[in-house]
């Protein structure tokens, strides 16, 4: 598995040119996702107006599928206020945009976990848009419209400070809540759990399989099914 430094280095070039607060938020997102066992790669950060126009032409005047409805100057990427991401696969070089992938085997899609971490930091998610959903996209608008940004306006100092404060609060909450506990089955360590308010949280799949059970997940009903070897024998 790659180290956190290695994961951060893979995104470093695409973090260049971002607004400082967006850079801090994106770096925090990478760190928080890594701590959850989900390494991610920032695939896009600052995008020039010319690059945006080229992307807009795809599927219209140039070959390919339509990937954006935004012309140059009409995307928060053009002002260093947005990033796109992908899941970094275990080989450390390939990425995935599979929104159903559960690489950490906790019965929650990795993509959803990244979105949850991003929203906790303060990012807006393109997957919440109603007209053109952009699932890999996160942005910090600082309450500014694109029309205002096109005039050369900059985010207000108070709005920027609020983003830093939210990042700081998230980190403080994480440090306060994350007390680790070793989880053992029959005296053998199987994983590390997180203790919060007297409750230990650990991946259900790891514990169930250590006890000889099988775990299945139904995304349609959002149901986790645990089947013990004893029950399977009784039903056979």
C-alpha atoms as a PDB file:
ATOM      1  CA  UNK A   1       0.000   0.000   0.000  1.00  0.00           C
ATOM      2  CA  UNK A   2       1.239   3.474  -0.827  1.00  0.00           C
ATOM      3  CA  UNK A   3       2.200   5.814   1.988  1.00  0.00           C
ATOM      4  CA  UNK A   4       0.237   9.017   2.543  1.00  0.00           C
ATOM      5  CA  UNK A   5       3.187  11.024   1.223  1.00  0.00           C
ATOM      6  CA  UNK A   6       3.211   8.979  -1.974  1.00  0.00           C
ATOM      7  CA  UNK A   7      -0.546   9.469  -2.422  1.00  0.00           C
ATOM      8  CA  UNK A   8      -0.233  13.219  -1.872  1.00  0.00           C
ATOM      9  CA  UNK A   9       2.654  13.431  -4.325  1.00  0.00           C
ATOM     10  CA  UNK A  10       0.563  11.811  -7.043  1.00  0.00           C
ATOM     11  CA  UNK A  11      -1.904  14.724  -6.865  1.00  0.00           C
ATOM     12  CA  UNK A  12       0.642  17.493  -6.290  1.00  0.00           C
ATOM     13  CA  UNK A  13       0.891  18.687  -9.894  1.00  0.00           C
ATOM     14  CA  UNK A  14      -2.896  19.006 -10.221  1.00  0.00           C
ATOM     15  CA  UNK A  15      -3.159  20.947  -6.982  1.00  0.00           C
ATOM     16  CA  UNK A  16      -0.928  23.678  -8.351  1.00  0.00           C
ATOM     17  CA  UNK A  17      -2.690  26.969  -9.019  1.00  0.00           C
ATOM     18  CA  UNK A  18      -5.672  26.331  -6.761  1.00  0.00           C
ATOM     19  CA  UNK A  19      -6.914  29.029  -4.411  1.00  0.00           C
ATOM     20  CA  UNK A  20      -4.966  28.494  -1.135  1.00  0.00           C
ATOM     21  CA  UNK A  21      -8.105  27.564   0.828  1.00  0.00           C
ATOM     22  CA  UNK A  22      -9.180  25.099  -1.861  1.00  0.00           C
ATOM     23  CA  UNK A  23      -5.667  23.640  -1.837  1.00  0.00           C
ATOM     24  CA  UNK A  24      -5.901  23.191   1.945  1.00  0.00           C
ATOM     25  CA  UNK A  25      -9.347  21.601   1.643  1.00  0.00           C
ATOM     26  CA  UNK A  26      -8.271  19.241  -1.152  1.00  0.00           C
ATOM     27  CA  UNK A  27      -5.168  18.185   0.776  1.00  0.00           C
ATOM     28  CA  UNK A  28      -7.282  17.533   3.861  1.00  0.00           C
ATOM     29  CA  UNK A  29      -9.682  15.474   1.756  1.00  0.00           C
ATOM     30  CA  UNK A  30      -6.856  13.287   0.462  1.00  0.00           C
ATOM     31  CA  UNK A  31      -5.577  12.802   4.012  1.00  0.00           C
ATOM     32  CA  UNK A  32      -9.005  11.989   5.470  1.00  0.00           C
ATOM     33  CA  UNK A  33      -9.839   9.523   2.708  1.00  0.00           C
ATOM     34  CA  UNK A  34      -6.455   7.824   3.134  1.00  0.00           C
ATOM     35  CA  UNK A  35      -7.149   7.474   6.871  1.00  0.00           C
ATOM     36  CA  UNK A  36     -10.417   5.742   5.935  1.00  0.00           C
ATOM     37  CA  UNK A  37      -8.554   3.283   3.718  1.00  0.00           C
ATOM     38  CA  UNK A  38      -9.605   4.969   0.467  1.00  0.00           C
ATOM     39  CA  UNK A  39      -6.692   6.567  -1.404  1.00  0.00           C
ATOM     40  CA  UNK A  40      -7.822   9.063  -4.036  1.00  0.00           C
ATOM     41  CA  UNK A  41      -6.206  10.988  -6.853  1.00  0.00           C
ATOM     42  CA  UNK A  42      -7.027  14.565  -7.795  1.00  0.00           C
ATOM     43  CA  UNK A  43      -7.401  14.311 -11.565  1.00  0.00           C
ATOM     44  CA  UNK A  44      -8.144  17.973 -12.312  1.00  0.00           C
ATOM     45  CA  UNK A  45      -7.679  21.273 -10.513  1.00  0.00           C
ATOM     46  CA  UNK A  46      -7.143  24.637 -12.141  1.00  0.00           C
ATOM     47  CA  UNK A  47      -8.311  24.629 -15.758  1.00  0.00           C
ATOM     48  CA  UNK A  48      -7.556  27.532 -18.097  1.00  0.00           C
ATOM     49  CA  UNK A  49     -10.280  29.183 -20.162  1.00  0.00           C
ATOM     50  CA  UNK A  50      -8.738  27.720 -23.328  1.00  0.00           C
ATOM     51  CA  UNK A  51      -8.695  24.237 -21.814  1.00  0.00           C
ATOM     52  CA  UNK A  52     -12.327  24.678 -20.770  1.00  0.00           C
ATOM     53  CA  UNK A  53     -13.331  25.671 -24.307  1.00  0.00           C
ATOM     54  CA  UNK A  54     -11.530  22.618 -25.696  1.00  0.00           C
ATOM     55  CA  UNK A  55     -13.358  20.384 -23.216  1.00  0.00           C
ATOM     56  CA  UNK A  56     -16.676  22.035 -24.091  1.00  0.00           C
ATOM     57  CA  UNK A  57     -16.088  21.344 -27.787  1.00  0.00           C
ATOM     58  CA  UNK A  58     -15.830  17.607 -27.113  1.00  0.00           C
ATOM     59  CA  UNK A  59     -19.000  15.936 -28.291  1.00  0.00           C
ATOM     60  CA  UNK A  60     -20.063  19.083 -30.111  1.00  0.00           C
ATOM     61  CA  UNK A  61     -17.556  20.265 -32.701  1.00  0.00           C
ATOM     62  CA  UNK A  62     -14.929  17.653 -31.795  1.00  0.00           C
ATOM     63  CA  UNK A  63     -15.081  13.852 -31.408  1.00  0.00           C
ATOM     64  CA  UNK A  64     -16.023  12.270 -28.111  1.00  0.00           C
ATOM     65  CA  UNK A  65     -18.820  12.322 -25.577  1.00  0.00           C
ATOM     66  CA  UNK A  66     -20.106  15.514 -23.978  1.00  0.00           C
ATOM     67  CA  UNK A  67     -18.486  15.878 -20.564  1.00  0.00           C
ATOM     68  CA  UNK A  68     -19.360  19.466 -19.635  1.00  0.00           C
ATOM     69  CA  UNK A  69     -21.965  22.118 -20.291  1.00  0.00           C
ATOM     70  CA  UNK A  70     -19.593  24.902 -19.265  1.00  0.00           C
ATOM     71  CA  UNK A  71     -17.748  27.109 -21.745  1.00  0.00           C
ATOM     72  CA  UNK A  72     -14.533  28.874 -20.801  1.00  0.00           C
ATOM     73  CA  UNK A  73     -15.125  31.169 -17.837  1.00  0.00           C
ATOM     74  CA  UNK A  74     -18.265  29.290 -16.803  1.00  0.00           C
ATOM     75  CA  UNK A  75     -16.642  26.689 -14.565  1.00  0.00           C
ATOM     76  CA  UNK A  76     -15.267  27.076 -11.047  1.00  0.00           C
ATOM     77  CA  UNK A  77     -12.248  25.124 -12.295  1.00  0.00           C
ATOM     78  CA  UNK A  78     -11.274  28.225 -14.301  1.00  0.00           C
ATOM     79  CA  UNK A  79     -10.777  30.165 -11.056  1.00  0.00           C
ATOM     80  CA  UNK A  80      -8.947  27.496  -9.045  1.00  0.00           C
ATOM     81  CA  UNK A  81     -12.011  26.790  -6.918  1.00  0.00           C
ATOM     82  CA  UNK A  82     -12.758  23.203  -7.960  1.00  0.00           C
ATOM     83  CA  UNK A  83     -11.189  19.756  -8.177  1.00  0.00           C
ATOM     84  CA  UNK A  84     -12.135  16.421  -9.733  1.00  0.00           C
ATOM     85  CA  UNK A  85     -11.114  13.085  -8.231  1.00  0.00           C
ATOM     86  CA  UNK A  86     -10.902   9.365  -8.893  1.00  0.00           C
ATOM     87  CA  UNK A  87     -10.311   6.333  -6.680  1.00  0.00           C
ATOM     88  CA  UNK A  88      -6.672   5.252  -6.615  1.00  0.00           C
ATOM     89  CA  UNK A  89      -6.433   1.485  -7.046  1.00  0.00           C
ATOM     90  CA  UNK A  90      -4.188  -0.809  -4.950  1.00  0.00           C
ATOM     91  CA  UNK A  91      -1.513  -1.038  -7.658  1.00  0.00           C
ATOM     92  CA  UNK A  92      -0.836   2.665  -7.028  1.00  0.00           C
ATOM     93  CA  UNK A  93      -0.924   3.629 -10.692  1.00  0.00           C
ATOM     94  CA  UNK A  94      -4.456   2.951 -11.969  1.00  0.00           C
ATOM     95  CA  UNK A  95      -7.634   4.802 -11.039  1.00  0.00           C
ATOM     96  CA  UNK A  96     -11.327   3.993 -11.037  1.00  0.00           C
ATOM     97  CA  UNK A  97     -14.533   5.971 -11.430  1.00  0.00           C
ATOM     98  CA  UNK A  98     -16.634   2.997 -10.293  1.00  0.00           C
ATOM     99  CA  UNK A  99     -19.156   4.519  -7.887  1.00  0.00           C
ATOM    100  CA  UNK A 100     -20.093   1.076  -6.531  1.00  0.00           C
ATOM    101  CA  UNK A 101     -16.561  -0.055  -5.693  1.00  0.00           C
ATOM    102  CA  UNK A 102     -16.029  -1.092  -2.054  1.00  0.00           C
ATOM    103  CA  UNK A 103     -12.279  -1.465  -1.894  1.00  0.00           C
ATOM    104  CA  UNK A 104     -12.093  -1.215   1.888  1.00  0.00           C
ATOM    105  CA  UNK A 105     -14.812  -3.888   2.319  1.00  0.00           C
ATOM    106  CA  UNK A 106     -16.904  -1.938   4.815  1.00  0.00           C
ATOM    107  CA  UNK A 107     -20.164  -2.410   2.886  1.00  0.00           C
ATOM    108  CA  UNK A 108     -20.262   1.276   1.921  1.00  0.00           C
ATOM    109  CA  UNK A 109     -19.258   2.402  -1.560  1.00  0.00           C
ATOM    110  CA  UNK A 110     -15.861   4.123  -1.480  1.00  0.00           C
ATOM    111  CA  UNK A 111     -17.210   6.918  -3.710  1.00  0.00           C
ATOM    112  CA  UNK A 112     -19.930   7.752  -1.191  1.00  0.00           C
ATOM    113  CA  UNK A 113     -17.392   7.808   1.635  1.00  0.00           C
ATOM    114  CA  UNK A 114     -15.246  10.301  -0.294  1.00  0.00           C
ATOM    115  CA  UNK A 115     -18.317  12.484  -0.899  1.00  0.00           C
ATOM    116  CA  UNK A 116     -19.172  12.377   2.803  1.00  0.00           C
ATOM    117  CA  UNK A 117     -15.648  13.455   3.747  1.00  0.00           C
ATOM    118  CA  UNK A 118     -15.684  16.255   1.147  1.00  0.00           C
ATOM    119  CA  UNK A 119     -19.015  17.640   2.341  1.00  0.00           C
ATOM    120  CA  UNK A 120     -17.830  17.558   5.953  1.00  0.00           C
ATOM    121  CA  UNK A 121     -14.912  19.761   4.932  1.00  0.00           C
ATOM    122  CA  UNK A 122     -17.250  22.161   3.126  1.00  0.00           C
ATOM    123  CA  UNK A 123     -17.077  21.145  -0.532  1.00  0.00           C
ATOM    124  CA  UNK A 124     -20.128  21.289  -2.781  1.00  0.00           C
ATOM    125  CA  UNK A 125     -20.600  18.079  -4.803  1.00  0.00           C
ATOM    126  CA  UNK A 126     -21.434  18.003  -8.499  1.00  0.00           C
ATOM    127  CA  UNK A 127     -23.486  14.867  -7.888  1.00  0.00           C
ATOM    128  CA  UNK A 128     -26.089  17.019  -6.148  1.00  0.00           C
ATOM    129  CA  UNK A 129     -26.702  19.125  -9.243  1.00  0.00           C
ATOM    130  CA  UNK A 130     -30.078  18.686 -10.908  1.00  0.00           C
ATOM    131  CA  UNK A 131     -29.332  19.491 -14.557  1.00  0.00           C
ATOM    132  CA  UNK A 132     -25.888  18.059 -15.389  1.00  0.00           C
ATOM    133  CA  UNK A 133     -24.568  15.807 -12.638  1.00  0.00           C
ATOM    134  CA  UNK A 134     -20.782  15.799 -12.334  1.00  0.00           C
ATOM    135  CA  UNK A 135     -19.998  12.983  -9.904  1.00  0.00           C
ATOM    136  CA  UNK A 136     -16.178  13.411  -9.644  1.00  0.00           C
ATOM    137  CA  UNK A 137     -16.492  17.186  -9.055  1.00  0.00           C
ATOM    138  CA  UNK A 138     -16.065  19.173  -5.813  1.00  0.00           C
ATOM    139  CA  UNK A 139     -15.978  22.950  -5.534  1.00  0.00           C
ATOM    140  CA  UNK A 140     -15.723  25.747  -2.991  1.00  0.00           C
ATOM    141  CA  UNK A 141     -17.619  28.731  -4.347  1.00  0.00           C
ATOM    142  CA  UNK A 142     -17.224  30.949  -1.254  1.00  0.00           C
ATOM    143  CA  UNK A 143     -20.761  32.107  -2.015  1.00  0.00           C
ATOM    144  CA  UNK A 144     -19.657  33.676  -5.285  1.00  0.00           C
ATOM    145  CA  UNK A 145     -21.417  33.342  -8.622  1.00  0.00           C
ATOM    146  CA  UNK A 146     -19.571  32.634 -11.834  1.00  0.00           C
ATOM    147  CA  UNK A 147     -20.805  35.970 -13.172  1.00  0.00           C
ATOM    148  CA  UNK A 148     -19.012  37.750 -10.323  1.00  0.00           C
ATOM    149  CA  UNK A 149     -15.854  35.722 -10.858  1.00  0.00           C
ATOM    150  CA  UNK A 150     -15.834  36.628 -14.561  1.00  0.00           C
ATOM    151  CA  UNK A 151     -15.659  40.304 -13.589  1.00  0.00           C
ATOM    152  CA  UNK A 152     -12.441  39.613 -11.668  1.00  0.00           C
ATOM    153  CA  UNK A 153     -14.029  39.620  -8.206  1.00  0.00           C
ATOM    154  CA  UNK A 154     -12.290  37.577  -5.520  1.00  0.00           C
ATOM    155  CA  UNK A 155     -13.701  35.609  -2.570  1.00  0.00           C
ATOM    156  CA  UNK A 156     -14.284  37.743   0.523  1.00  0.00           C
ATOM    157  CA  UNK A 157     -11.772  37.347   3.341  1.00  0.00           C
ATOM    158  CA  UNK A 158     -14.525  36.289   5.745  1.00  0.00           C
ATOM    159  CA  UNK A 159     -15.682  33.528   3.392  1.00  0.00           C
ATOM    160  CA  UNK A 160     -12.123  32.256   3.014  1.00  0.00           C
ATOM    161  CA  UNK A 161     -11.598  32.339   6.783  1.00  0.00           C
ATOM    162  CA  UNK A 162     -14.803  30.326   7.253  1.00  0.00           C
ATOM    163  CA  UNK A 163     -13.406  27.565   5.029  1.00  0.00           C
ATOM    164  CA  UNK A 164     -10.185  27.373   7.028  1.00  0.00           C
ATOM    165  CA  UNK A 165     -12.200  27.309  10.261  1.00  0.00           C
ATOM    166  CA  UNK A 166     -14.311  24.422   8.989  1.00  0.00           C
ATOM    167  CA  UNK A 167     -11.196  22.468   8.011  1.00  0.00           C
ATOM    168  CA  UNK A 168      -9.735  23.101  11.462  1.00  0.00           C
ATOM    169  CA  UNK A 169     -12.980  22.067  13.170  1.00  0.00           C
ATOM    170  CA  UNK A 170     -13.128  18.860  11.158  1.00  0.00           C
ATOM    171  CA  UNK A 171      -9.581  17.994  12.173  1.00  0.00           C
ATOM    172  CA  UNK A 172     -10.282  18.740  15.848  1.00  0.00           C
ATOM    173  CA  UNK A 173     -13.403  16.571  15.780  1.00  0.00           C
ATOM    174  CA  UNK A 174     -11.445  13.767  14.162  1.00  0.00           C
ATOM    175  CA  UNK A 175      -8.637  13.892  16.715  1.00  0.00           C
ATOM    176  CA  UNK A 176     -11.154  14.021  19.580  1.00  0.00           C
ATOM    177  CA  UNK A 177     -13.283  11.136  18.374  1.00  0.00           C
ATOM    178  CA  UNK A 178     -10.762   8.721  16.926  1.00  0.00           C
ATOM    179  CA  UNK A 179      -9.523   6.572  19.799  1.00  0.00           C
ATOM    180  CA  UNK A 180      -8.336   3.304  18.321  1.00  0.00           C
ATOM    181  CA  UNK A 181      -8.922  -0.127  19.812  1.00  0.00           C
ATOM    182  CA  UNK A 182      -7.476  -3.438  18.691  1.00  0.00           C
ATOM    183  CA  UNK A 183     -10.188  -5.919  17.732  1.00  0.00           C
ATOM    184  CA  UNK A 184      -9.379  -9.598  18.348  1.00  0.00           C
ATOM    185  CA  UNK A 185     -11.297 -12.794  17.599  1.00  0.00           C
ATOM    186  CA  UNK A 186     -10.292 -15.776  19.724  1.00  0.00           C
ATOM    187  CA  UNK A 187      -7.168 -13.901  20.773  1.00  0.00           C
ATOM    188  CA  UNK A 188      -6.043 -13.090  17.227  1.00  0.00           C
ATOM    189  CA  UNK A 189      -5.936  -9.469  16.073  1.00  0.00           C
ATOM    190  CA  UNK A 190      -8.039  -8.940  12.962  1.00  0.00           C
ATOM    191  CA  UNK A 191      -8.375  -5.162  12.660  1.00  0.00           C
ATOM    192  CA  UNK A 192      -8.204  -1.764  14.361  1.00  0.00           C
ATOM    193  CA  UNK A 193     -11.493  -0.229  15.485  1.00  0.00           C
ATOM    194  CA  UNK A 194     -12.464   3.327  16.381  1.00  0.00           C
ATOM    195  CA  UNK A 195     -13.983   4.044  19.789  1.00  0.00           C
ATOM    196  CA  UNK A 196     -16.484   6.870  20.097  1.00  0.00           C
ATOM    197  CA  UNK A 197     -18.744   7.507  23.083  1.00  0.00           C
ATOM    198  CA  UNK A 198     -18.152   4.002  24.418  1.00  0.00           C
ATOM    199  CA  UNK A 199     -18.966   2.305  21.088  1.00  0.00           C
ATOM    200  CA  UNK A 200     -16.340   0.505  19.012  1.00  0.00           C
ATOM    201  CA  UNK A 201     -16.695   0.810  15.236  1.00  0.00           C
ATOM    202  CA  UNK A 202     -14.969  -1.744  13.017  1.00  0.00           C
ATOM    203  CA  UNK A 203     -15.512  -3.164   9.490  1.00  0.00           C
ATOM    204  CA  UNK A 204     -18.354  -5.674   9.735  1.00  0.00           C
ATOM    205  CA  UNK A 205     -16.952  -7.812   6.904  1.00  0.00           C
ATOM    206  CA  UNK A 206     -13.605  -8.338   8.634  1.00  0.00           C
ATOM    207  CA  UNK A 207     -15.231  -9.418  11.897  1.00  0.00           C
ATOM    208  CA  UNK A 208     -17.863 -11.618  10.260  1.00  0.00           C
ATOM    209  CA  UNK A 209     -15.356 -13.449   8.075  1.00  0.00           C
ATOM    210  CA  UNK A 210     -13.050 -13.982  11.061  1.00  0.00           C
ATOM    211  CA  UNK A 211     -15.995 -15.755  12.700  1.00  0.00           C
ATOM    212  CA  UNK A 212     -16.507 -17.932   9.629  1.00  0.00           C
ATOM    213  CA  UNK A 213     -19.498 -16.026   8.278  1.00  0.00           C
ATOM    214  CA  UNK A 214     -20.115 -14.518   4.859  1.00  0.00           C
ATOM    215  CA  UNK A 215     -21.190 -10.933   4.227  1.00  0.00           C
ATOM    216  CA  UNK A 216     -23.317  -9.695   1.362  1.00  0.00           C
ATOM    217  CA  UNK A 217     -24.588  -6.226   0.541  1.00  0.00           C
ATOM    218  CA  UNK A 218     -27.730  -5.300  -1.380  1.00  0.00           C
ATOM    219  CA  UNK A 219     -27.296  -1.724  -2.702  1.00  0.00           C
ATOM    220  CA  UNK A 220     -30.952  -1.497  -3.714  1.00  0.00           C
ATOM    221  CA  UNK A 221     -32.219  -2.017  -0.157  1.00  0.00           C
ATOM    222  CA  UNK A 222     -29.010  -0.869   1.554  1.00  0.00           C
ATOM    223  CA  UNK A 223     -29.018  -4.092   3.551  1.00  0.00           C
ATOM    224  CA  UNK A 224     -26.014  -5.962   4.935  1.00  0.00           C
ATOM    225  CA  UNK A 225     -26.640  -9.733   5.207  1.00  0.00           C
ATOM    226  CA  UNK A 226     -24.438 -11.854   7.461  1.00  0.00           C
ATOM    227  CA  UNK A 227     -24.731 -15.617   7.029  1.00  0.00           C
ATOM    228  CA  UNK A 228     -22.982 -17.842   9.545  1.00  0.00           C
ATOM    229  CA  UNK A 229     -21.558 -21.230   8.612  1.00  0.00           C
ATOM    230  CA  UNK A 230     -23.896 -22.783  11.192  1.00  0.00           C
ATOM    231  CA  UNK A 231     -26.960 -21.270   9.529  1.00  0.00           C
ATOM    232  CA  UNK A 232     -25.790 -22.390   6.075  1.00  0.00           C
ATOM    233  CA  UNK A 233     -25.440 -25.945   7.374  1.00  0.00           C
ATOM    234  CA  UNK A 234     -28.923 -25.864   8.884  1.00  0.00           C
ATOM    235  CA  UNK A 235     -30.415 -24.742   5.578  1.00  0.00           C
ATOM    236  CA  UNK A 236     -28.618 -27.306   3.428  1.00  0.00           C
END
